[in-house]
Amino acid sequence: MNQPQPTTTPNLNEPKFGFNQYSERLNGRAAMIGFLITLAIEYFSGQGLLSWLGLS
């Protein structure tokens, strides 16, 4: 018996959680924004982030 093979590949959506390309890209963008905000806080306040938070 010869089974027919599918002619098209199904279009499966990647989940929006876990280790996939979408979540890694989103995490990287959030990290870059957080880093820039930290630099802006240090620049405009004249203090480091830890002293601005009251931890030093």
Protein backbone atom coordinates (compact mmCIF):
# COMPACT_ATOMS: atom_id res chain seq x y z
CA MET A 1 0.00 0.00 0.00
CA ASN A 2 1.36 3.35 -1.03
CA GLN A 3 0.24 6.31 1.14
CA PRO A 4 -0.12 9.68 -0.64
CA GLN A 5 2.26 12.36 0.60
CA PRO A 6 1.03 15.86 1.48
CA THR A 7 1.70 18.50 -1.17
CA THR A 8 1.82 21.56 1.11
CA THR A 9 3.40 22.29 4.45
CA PRO A 10 0.95 23.38 7.16
CA ASN A 11 1.32 26.97 8.36
CA LEU A 12 1.67 26.58 12.13
CA ASN A 13 1.75 29.68 14.33
CA GLU A 14 4.54 29.80 16.89
CA PRO A 15 3.39 30.16 20.48
CA LYS A 16 3.95 33.60 22.03
CA PHE A 17 5.69 32.14 25.09
CA GLY A 18 8.69 29.92 25.73
CA PHE A 19 12.00 29.96 23.88
CA ASN A 20 11.13 30.97 20.34
CA GLN A 21 12.28 33.68 17.96
CA TYR A 22 9.42 36.07 18.77
CA SER A 23 9.90 36.00 22.54
CA GLU A 24 13.68 36.30 22.31
CA ARG A 25 13.38 39.35 20.03
CA LEU A 26 10.85 40.94 22.38
CA ASN A 27 13.06 40.26 25.40
CA GLY A 28 16.08 41.80 23.67
CA ARG A 29 14.14 44.94 22.79
CA ALA A 30 12.86 45.29 26.35
CA ALA A 31 16.43 44.93 27.67
CA MET A 32 17.71 47.64 25.30
CA ILE A 33 14.93 50.02 26.36
CA GLY A 34 15.65 49.33 30.04
CA PHE A 35 19.35 49.98 29.54
CA LEU A 36 18.66 53.30 27.81
CA ILE A 37 16.27 54.35 30.57
CA THR A 38 18.93 53.50 33.17
CA LEU A 39 21.49 55.64 31.33
CA ALA A 40 19.01 58.52 31.11
CA ILE A 41 18.29 58.31 34.85
CA GLU A 42 22.00 58.42 35.64
CA TYR A 43 22.62 61.30 33.24
CA PHE A 44 19.75 63.55 34.35
CA SER A 45 19.99 62.84 38.10
CA GLY A 46 23.80 62.89 38.33
CA GLN A 47 23.67 59.75 40.47
CA GLY A 48 24.14 56.08 39.78
CA LEU A 49 21.10 53.84 39.64
CA LEU A 50 21.77 52.22 43.02
CA SER A 51 22.05 55.57 44.80
CA TRP A 52 18.97 56.82 42.96
CA LEU A 53 17.09 53.81 44.33
CA GLY A 54 18.54 54.46 47.81
CA LEU A 55 20.58 51.24 47.93
CA SER A 56 24.11 52.59 48.32
